[in-house]
PDB file of N, CA and C in Angstrom:
ATOM      1  N   UNK A   1     132.691  32.979 114.991  1.00  0.00           N
ATOM      2  CA  UNK A   1     133.314  34.214 115.344  1.00  0.00           C
ATOM      3  C   UNK A   1     134.775  34.149 114.904  1.00  0.00           C
ATOM      4  N   UNK A   2     135.216  35.174 114.168  1.00  0.00           N
ATOM      5  CA  UNK A   2     136.599  35.259 113.716  1.00  0.00           C
ATOM      6  C   UNK A   2     137.326  36.258 114.610  1.00  0.00           C
ATOM      7  N   UNK A   3     138.345  35.797 115.313  1.00  0.00           N
ATOM      8  CA  UNK A   3     139.072  36.645 116.249  1.00  0.00           C
ATOM      9  C   UNK A   3     140.543  36.627 115.876  1.00  0.00           C
ATOM     10  N   UNK A   4     141.153  37.816 115.858  1.00  0.00           N
ATOM     11  CA  UNK A   4     142.592  37.922 115.613  1.00  0.00           C
ATOM     12  C   UNK A   4     143.207  38.685 116.774  1.00  0.00           C
ATOM     13  N   UNK A   5     144.290  38.174 117.273  1.00  0.00           N
ATOM     14  CA  UNK A   5     144.956  38.794 118.409  1.00  0.00           C
ATOM     15  C   UNK A   5     146.392  39.095 118.003  1.00  0.00           C
ATOM     16  N   UNK A   6     146.812  40.339 118.233  1.00  0.00           N
ATOM     17  CA  UNK A   6     148.189  40.740 117.980  1.00  0.00           C
ATOM     18  C   UNK A   6     148.844  40.942 119.338  1.00  0.00           C
ATOM     19  N   UNK A   7     149.973  40.288 119.543  1.00  0.00           N
ATOM     20  CA  UNK A   7     150.665  40.391 120.818  1.00  0.00           C
ATOM     21  C   UNK A   7     152.110  40.806 120.594  1.00  0.00           C
ATOM     22  N   UNK A   8     152.701  41.360 121.620  1.00  0.00           N
ATOM     23  CA  UNK A   8     154.110  41.747 121.570  1.00  0.00           C
ATOM     24  C   UNK A   8     154.733  41.532 122.937  1.00  0.00           C
ATOM     25  N   UNK A   9     156.002  41.206 122.941  1.00  0.00           N
ATOM     26  CA  UNK A   9     156.719  41.018 124.197  1.00  0.00           C
ATOM     27  C   UNK A   9     158.200  41.255 123.983  1.00  0.00           C
ATOM     28  N   UNK A  10     158.872  41.556 125.053  1.00  0.00           N
ATOM     29  CA  UNK A  10     160.325  41.651 124.989  1.00  0.00           C
ATOM     30  C   UNK A  10     160.957  40.458 125.707  1.00  0.00           C
ATOM     31  N   UNK A  11     160.139  39.473 126.011  1.00  0.00           N
ATOM     32  CA  UNK A  11     160.590  38.270 126.710  1.00  0.00           C
ATOM     33  C   UNK A  11     160.808  37.138 125.701  1.00  0.00           C
ATOM     34  N   UNK A  12     161.666  36.201 126.028  1.00  0.00           N
ATOM     35  CA  UNK A  12     161.867  35.005 125.222  1.00  0.00           C
ATOM     36  C   UNK A  12     160.830  33.975 125.651  1.00  0.00           C
ATOM     37  N   UNK A  13     159.710  33.950 124.950  1.00  0.00           N
ATOM     38  CA  UNK A  13     158.616  33.063 125.358  1.00  0.00           C
ATOM     39  C   UNK A  13     158.977  31.596 125.216  1.00  0.00           C
ATOM     40  N   UNK A  14     159.809  31.257 124.250  1.00  0.00           N
ATOM     41  CA  UNK A  14     160.240  29.866 124.110  1.00  0.00           C
ATOM     42  C   UNK A  14     160.949  29.402 125.382  1.00  0.00           C
ATOM     43  N   UNK A  15     161.812  30.246 125.893  1.00  0.00           N
ATOM     44  CA  UNK A  15     162.526  29.904 127.131  1.00  0.00           C
ATOM     45  C   UNK A  15     161.562  29.869 128.320  1.00  0.00           C
ATOM     46  N   UNK A  16     160.616  30.796 128.343  1.00  0.00           N
ATOM     47  CA  UNK A  16     159.643  30.808 129.436  1.00  0.00           C
ATOM     48  C   UNK A  16     158.781  29.539 129.427  1.00  0.00           C
ATOM     49  N   UNK A  17     158.456  29.042 128.239  1.00  0.00           N
ATOM     50  CA  UNK A  17     157.707  27.780 128.146  1.00  0.00           C
ATOM     51  C   UNK A  17     158.563  26.643 128.695  1.00  0.00           C
ATOM     52  N   UNK A  18     159.829  26.612 128.298  1.00  0.00           N
ATOM     53  CA  UNK A  18     160.726  25.562 128.808  1.00  0.00           C
ATOM     54  C   UNK A  18     160.838  25.600 130.328  1.00  0.00           C
ATOM     55  N   UNK A  19     160.868  26.829 130.877  1.00  0.00           N
ATOM     56  CA  UNK A  19     160.990  27.000 132.331  1.00  0.00           C
ATOM     57  C   UNK A  19     159.657  26.852 133.056  1.00  0.00           C
ATOM     58  N   UNK A  20     158.602  26.531 132.291  1.00  0.00           N
ATOM     59  CA  UNK A  20     157.246  26.375 132.861  1.00  0.00           C
ATOM     60  C   UNK A  20     156.734  27.676 133.473  1.00  0.00           C
ATOM     61  N   UNK A  21     157.151  28.806 132.885  1.00  0.00           N
ATOM     62  CA  UNK A  21     156.692  30.107 133.384  1.00  0.00           C
ATOM     63  C   UNK A  21     155.689  30.752 132.416  1.00  0.00           C
ATOM     64  N   UNK A  22     155.425  30.067 131.279  1.00  0.00           N
ATOM     65  CA  UNK A  22     154.416  30.514 130.331  1.00  0.00           C
ATOM     66  C   UNK A  22     153.724  29.265 129.804  1.00  0.00           C
ATOM     67  N   UNK A  23     152.407  29.331 129.691  1.00  0.00           N
ATOM     68  CA  UNK A  23     151.637  28.157 129.291  1.00  0.00           C
ATOM     69  C   UNK A  23     151.961  27.737 127.863  1.00  0.00           C
ATOM     70  N   UNK A  24     152.318  26.482 127.701  1.00  0.00           N
ATOM     71  CA  UNK A  24     152.692  25.953 126.390  1.00  0.00           C
ATOM     72  C   UNK A  24     151.532  26.020 125.402  1.00  0.00           C
ATOM     73  N   UNK A  25     150.325  25.661 125.835  1.00  0.00           N
ATOM     74  CA  UNK A  25     149.176  25.683 124.925  1.00  0.00           C
ATOM     75  C   UNK A  25     148.883  27.099 124.437  1.00  0.00           C
ATOM     76  N   UNK A  26     149.016  28.079 125.311  1.00  0.00           N
ATOM     77  CA  UNK A  26     148.779  29.467 124.915  1.00  0.00           C
ATOM     78  C   UNK A  26     149.866  29.936 123.961  1.00  0.00           C
ATOM     79  N   UNK A  27     151.096  29.549 124.228  1.00  0.00           N
ATOM     80  CA  UNK A  27     152.209  29.915 123.359  1.00  0.00           C
ATOM     81  C   UNK A  27     151.957  29.426 121.935  1.00  0.00           C
ATOM     82  N   UNK A  28     151.551  28.183 121.761  1.00  0.00           N
ATOM     83  CA  UNK A  28     151.343  27.637 120.424  1.00  0.00           C
ATOM     84  C   UNK A  28     150.115  28.230 119.743  1.00  0.00           C
ATOM     85  N   UNK A  29     149.138  28.674 120.494  1.00  0.00           N
ATOM     86  CA  UNK A  29     147.982  29.355 119.886  1.00  0.00           C
ATOM     87  C   UNK A  29     148.360  30.755 119.399  1.00  0.00           C
ATOM     88  N   UNK A  30     149.231  31.430 120.153  1.00  0.00           N
ATOM     89  CA  UNK A  30     149.634  32.792 119.789  1.00  0.00           C
ATOM     90  C   UNK A  30     150.765  32.829 118.768  1.00  0.00           C
ATOM     91  N   UNK A  31     151.556  31.797 118.720  1.00  0.00           N
ATOM     92  CA  UNK A  31     152.772  31.800 117.915  1.00  0.00           C
ATOM     93  C   UNK A  31     152.507  31.324 116.482  1.00  0.00           C
ATOM     94  N   UNK A  32     151.636  32.037 115.766  1.00  0.00           N
ATOM     95  CA  UNK A  32     151.326  31.688 114.386  1.00  0.00           C
ATOM     96  C   UNK A  32     152.343  32.332 113.452  1.00  0.00           C
ATOM     97  N   UNK A  33     152.577  33.610 113.630  1.00  0.00           N
ATOM     98  CA  UNK A  33     153.566  34.349 112.840  1.00  0.00           C
ATOM     99  C   UNK A  33     154.438  35.128 113.815  1.00  0.00           C
ATOM    100  N   UNK A  34     155.744  35.012 113.644  1.00  0.00           N
ATOM    101  CA  UNK A  34     156.667  35.742 114.496  1.00  0.00           C
ATOM    102  C   UNK A  34     157.395  36.782 113.645  1.00  0.00           C
ATOM    103  N   UNK A  35     157.336  38.020 114.070  1.00  0.00           N
ATOM    104  CA  UNK A  35     158.065  39.097 113.410  1.00  0.00           C
ATOM    105  C   UNK A  35     159.056  39.643 114.427  1.00  0.00           C
ATOM    106  N   UNK A  36     160.315  39.510 114.121  1.00  0.00           N
ATOM    107  CA  UNK A  36     161.352  39.980 115.028  1.00  0.00           C
ATOM    108  C   UNK A  36     161.948  41.262 114.464  1.00  0.00           C
ATOM    109  N   UNK A  37     161.927  42.311 115.262  1.00  0.00           N
ATOM    110  CA  UNK A  37     162.536  43.573 114.839  1.00  0.00           C
ATOM    111  C   UNK A  37     163.624  43.941 115.833  1.00  0.00           C
ATOM    112  N   UNK A  38     164.717  44.498 115.327  1.00  0.00           N
ATOM    113  CA  UNK A  38     165.778  44.908 116.244  1.00  0.00           C
ATOM    114  C   UNK A  38     165.309  46.090 117.086  1.00  0.00           C
ATOM    115  N   UNK A  39     165.834  46.251 118.280  1.00  0.00           N
ATOM    116  CA  UNK A  39     165.421  47.376 119.118  1.00  0.00           C
ATOM    117  C   UNK A  39     165.814  48.709 118.483  1.00  0.00           C
ATOM    118  N   UNK A  40     165.071  49.738 118.821  1.00  0.00           N
ATOM    119  CA  UNK A  40     165.309  51.067 118.264  1.00  0.00           C
ATOM    120  C   UNK A  40     166.712  51.567 118.594  1.00  0.00           C
ATOM    121  N   UNK A  41     167.269  51.163 119.708  1.00  0.00           N
ATOM    122  CA  UNK A  41     168.633  51.589 120.059  1.00  0.00           C
ATOM    123  C   UNK A  41     169.648  51.086 119.034  1.00  0.00           C
ATOM    124  N   UNK A  42     169.305  50.025 118.295  1.00  0.00           N
ATOM    125  CA  UNK A  42     170.180  49.515 117.244  1.00  0.00           C
ATOM    126  C   UNK A  42     169.836  50.090 115.874  1.00  0.00           C
ATOM    127  N   UNK A  43     168.800  50.922 115.811  1.00  0.00           N
ATOM    128  CA  UNK A  43     168.360  51.517 114.544  1.00  0.00           C
ATOM    129  C   UNK A  43     168.228  53.031 114.699  1.00  0.00           C
ATOM    130  N   UNK A  44     169.263  53.663 115.186  1.00  0.00           N
ATOM    131  CA  UNK A  44     169.213  55.099 115.474  1.00  0.00           C
ATOM    132  C   UNK A  44     168.824  55.934 114.253  1.00  0.00           C
ATOM    133  N   UNK A  45     169.151  55.463 113.060  1.00  0.00           N
ATOM    134  CA  UNK A  45     168.812  56.215 111.849  1.00  0.00           C
ATOM    135  C   UNK A  45     167.302  56.282 111.632  1.00  0.00           C
ATOM    136  N   UNK A  46     166.541  55.409 112.282  1.00  0.00           N
ATOM    137  CA  UNK A  46     165.079  55.421 112.157  1.00  0.00           C
ATOM    138  C   UNK A  46     164.417  56.465 113.058  1.00  0.00           C
ATOM    139  N   UNK A  47     165.132  56.965 114.052  1.00  0.00           N
ATOM    140  CA  UNK A  47     164.523  57.874 115.032  1.00  0.00           C
ATOM    141  C   UNK A  47     163.982  59.149 114.388  1.00  0.00           C
ATOM    142  N   UNK A  48     164.736  59.873 113.540  1.00  0.00           N
ATOM    143  CA  UNK A  48     164.167  61.082 112.934  1.00  0.00           C
ATOM    144  C   UNK A  48     162.939  60.791 112.068  1.00  0.00           C
ATOM    145  N   UNK A  49     162.963  59.699 111.335  1.00  0.00           N
ATOM    146  CA  UNK A  49     161.825  59.337 110.483  1.00  0.00           C
ATOM    147  C   UNK A  49     160.595  59.055 111.340  1.00  0.00           C
ATOM    148  N   UNK A  50     160.775  58.298 112.402  1.00  0.00           N
ATOM    149  CA  UNK A  50     159.653  57.986 113.295  1.00  0.00           C
ATOM    150  C   UNK A  50     159.142  59.237 114.001  1.00  0.00           C
ATOM    151  N   UNK A  51     160.051  60.104 114.438  1.00  0.00           N
ATOM    152  CA  UNK A  51     159.647  61.343 115.116  1.00  0.00           C
ATOM    153  C   UNK A  51     158.804  62.199 114.177  1.00  0.00           C
ATOM    154  N   UNK A  52     159.243  62.363 112.932  1.00  0.00           N
ATOM    155  CA  UNK A  52     158.459  63.161 111.972  1.00  0.00           C
ATOM    156  C   UNK A  52     157.089  62.540 111.739  1.00  0.00           C
ATOM    157  N   UNK A  53     157.046  61.238 111.616  1.00  0.00           N
ATOM    158  CA  UNK A  53     155.770  60.555 111.394  1.00  0.00           C
ATOM    159  C   UNK A  53     154.790  60.830 112.540  1.00  0.00           C
ATOM    160  N   UNK A  54     155.241  60.661 113.781  1.00  0.00           N
ATOM    161  CA  UNK A  54     154.343  60.843 114.918  1.00  0.00           C
ATOM    162  C   UNK A  54     154.019  62.309 115.163  1.00  0.00           C
ATOM    163  N   UNK A  55     154.920  63.215 114.831  1.00  0.00           N
ATOM    164  CA  UNK A  55     154.603  64.646 114.915  1.00  0.00           C
ATOM    165  C   UNK A  55     153.513  65.005 113.916  1.00  0.00           C
ATOM    166  N   UNK A  56     153.600  64.464 112.701  1.00  0.00           N
ATOM    167  CA  UNK A  56     152.558  64.708 111.703  1.00  0.00           C
ATOM    168  C   UNK A  56     151.211  64.167 112.175  1.00  0.00           C
ATOM    169  N   UNK A  57     151.223  63.003 112.798  1.00  0.00           N
ATOM    170  CA  UNK A  57     149.969  62.424 113.296  1.00  0.00           C
ATOM    171  C   UNK A  57     149.367  63.244 114.429  1.00  0.00           C
ATOM    172  N   UNK A  58     150.209  63.893 115.215  1.00  0.00           N
ATOM    173  CA  UNK A  58     149.704  64.615 116.378  1.00  0.00           C
ATOM    174  C   UNK A  58     149.247  66.035 116.048  1.00  0.00           C
ATOM    175  N   UNK A  59     149.544  66.522 114.840  1.00  0.00           N
ATOM    176  CA  UNK A  59     149.087  67.865 114.453  1.00  0.00           C
ATOM    177  C   UNK A  59     147.570  67.888 114.359  1.00  0.00           C
ATOM    178  N   UNK A  60     146.979  68.964 114.848  1.00  0.00           N
ATOM    179  CA  UNK A  60     145.513  69.067 114.703  1.00  0.00           C
ATOM    180  C   UNK A  60     145.151  69.202 113.231  1.00  0.00           C
ATOM    181  N   UNK A  61     144.114  68.517 112.859  1.00  0.00           N
ATOM    182  CA  UNK A  61     143.651  68.591 111.478  1.00  0.00           C
ATOM    183  C   UNK A  61     142.643  69.724 111.380  1.00  0.00           C
ATOM    184  N   UNK A  62     142.794  70.559 110.373  1.00  0.00           N
ATOM    185  CA  UNK A  62     141.843  71.647 110.178  1.00  0.00           C
ATOM    186  C   UNK A  62     141.038  71.367 108.922  1.00  0.00           C
ATOM    187  N   UNK A  63     139.766  71.667 109.015  1.00  0.00           N
ATOM    188  CA  UNK A  63     138.872  71.519 107.871  1.00  0.00           C
ATOM    189  C   UNK A  63     138.125  72.824 107.705  1.00  0.00           C
ATOM    190  N   UNK A  64     137.478  72.988 106.593  1.00  0.00           N
ATOM    191  CA  UNK A  64     136.728  74.221 106.332  1.00  0.00           C
ATOM    192  C   UNK A  64     135.660  74.441 107.393  1.00  0.00           C
ATOM    193  N   UNK A  65     135.049  73.377 107.880  1.00  0.00           N
ATOM    194  CA  UNK A  65     133.985  73.522 108.867  1.00  0.00           C
ATOM    195  C   UNK A  65     134.518  73.839 110.265  1.00  0.00           C
ATOM    196  N   UNK A  66     135.804  73.608 110.500  1.00  0.00           N
ATOM    197  CA  UNK A  66     136.326  73.846 111.833  1.00  0.00           C
ATOM    198  C   UNK A  66     137.148  75.133 111.947  1.00  0.00           C
ATOM    199  N   UNK A  67     137.262  75.886 110.859  1.00  0.00           N
ATOM    200  CA  UNK A  67     138.025  77.125 110.925  1.00  0.00           C
ATOM    201  C   UNK A  67     137.116  78.264 111.382  1.00  0.00           C
ATOM    202  N   UNK A  68     137.697  79.209 112.072  1.00  0.00           N
ATOM    203  CA  UNK A  68     136.919  80.341 112.579  1.00  0.00           C
ATOM    204  C   UNK A  68     136.602  81.308 111.444  1.00  0.00           C
ATOM    205  N   UNK A  69     135.439  81.870 111.490  1.00  0.00           N
ATOM    206  CA  UNK A  69     135.014  82.846 110.488  1.00  0.00           C
ATOM    207  C   UNK A  69     135.131  84.241 111.078  1.00  0.00           C
ATOM    208  N   UNK A  70     135.697  85.203 110.327  1.00  0.00           N
ATOM    209  CA  UNK A  70     135.832  86.556 110.871  1.00  0.00           C
ATOM    210  C   UNK A  70     134.481  87.230 111.126  1.00  0.00           C
ATOM    211  N   UNK A  71     133.417  86.748 110.494  1.00  0.00           N
ATOM    212  CA  UNK A  71     132.105  87.366 110.688  1.00  0.00           C
ATOM    213  C   UNK A  71     131.288  86.678 111.767  1.00  0.00           C
ATOM    214  N   UNK A  72     131.839  85.658 112.347  1.00  0.00           N
ATOM    215  CA  UNK A  72     131.119  84.964 113.418  1.00  0.00           C
ATOM    216  C   UNK A  72     130.398  83.746 112.902  1.00  0.00           C
ATOM    217  N   UNK A  73     129.673  83.063 113.801  1.00  0.00           N
ATOM    218  CA  UNK A  73     128.980  81.822 113.408  1.00  0.00           C
ATOM    219  C   UNK A  73     127.825  82.042 112.490  1.00  0.00           C
TER     220      UNK A  73
END
């Protein structure tokens, strides 16, 4: 069985492992690739781009089969 798990946190897991508040074995199993991104509050220029992207995703999609016909069904 091939399993991939994607996780995210705003906590410093390395420090939590040192403090014995996060399991070391689990940390090393999950910590294969680390991608660190700055918080959105530090990237204000990204907000309009992200807003447009999610607005486009939330628009209802219309297709020929889902449009109303003036003559009825």
